[in-house]
């Protein structure tokens, strides 16, 4: 079996990396994936933003864990969202011009600046262990399909392909709050990247 487990006729395209940009000055925050934190202290991701709020001439962003965001949207319910000062919020964007820079295996090649959240480069799923629940990107020709989650670990299907079952991120979270199993689909691992 070849190392990359991809058919010789298929040349998978690496999805663009995830960049983080300051939320200040952006008008399109509602529903966006965000990172919060302080330079020099640390970062917290897997969050979604709502529309900004101005109180006493200061701008805040309501920020929710992703599972709460998806539940409130699906069930049209009000949920408590802490207000984070906009200068502590960064928005995740898929790069349109950049390419992923694969870090080496030693710690020195993986060092980052503490001034802003680091770029998130996609990693081929075939290089990772423990995939269930991970954020995924499917490289589908010229586009990257995001907001997906792994529902299984790699397995070999009846045709001999190494695959994962994946679902939409909203269905992943709905599974937790409602118990309703997600609609999944089988995708060969050479088309999948972890964020």
Foldseek 3Di string as FASTA:
>chain_A
DDPLLDPPVDDFDFFFWKDWAQPPPDQPQAQFWKWFDAQPPDIDTQKGWHGWDADPNFIWIFIDRNLVSLVCVVVVDDDHTDTHGSRGMITIDGDPPDHADDFDPDPVSVDDGSHDDDIGGWAQCSVDPDQAFFWKWFRDPPHIRGQKGFHDTWDQDPVRATWTKMAHNSQVSCCVVPVDHGDIDIDGSSRMTTD
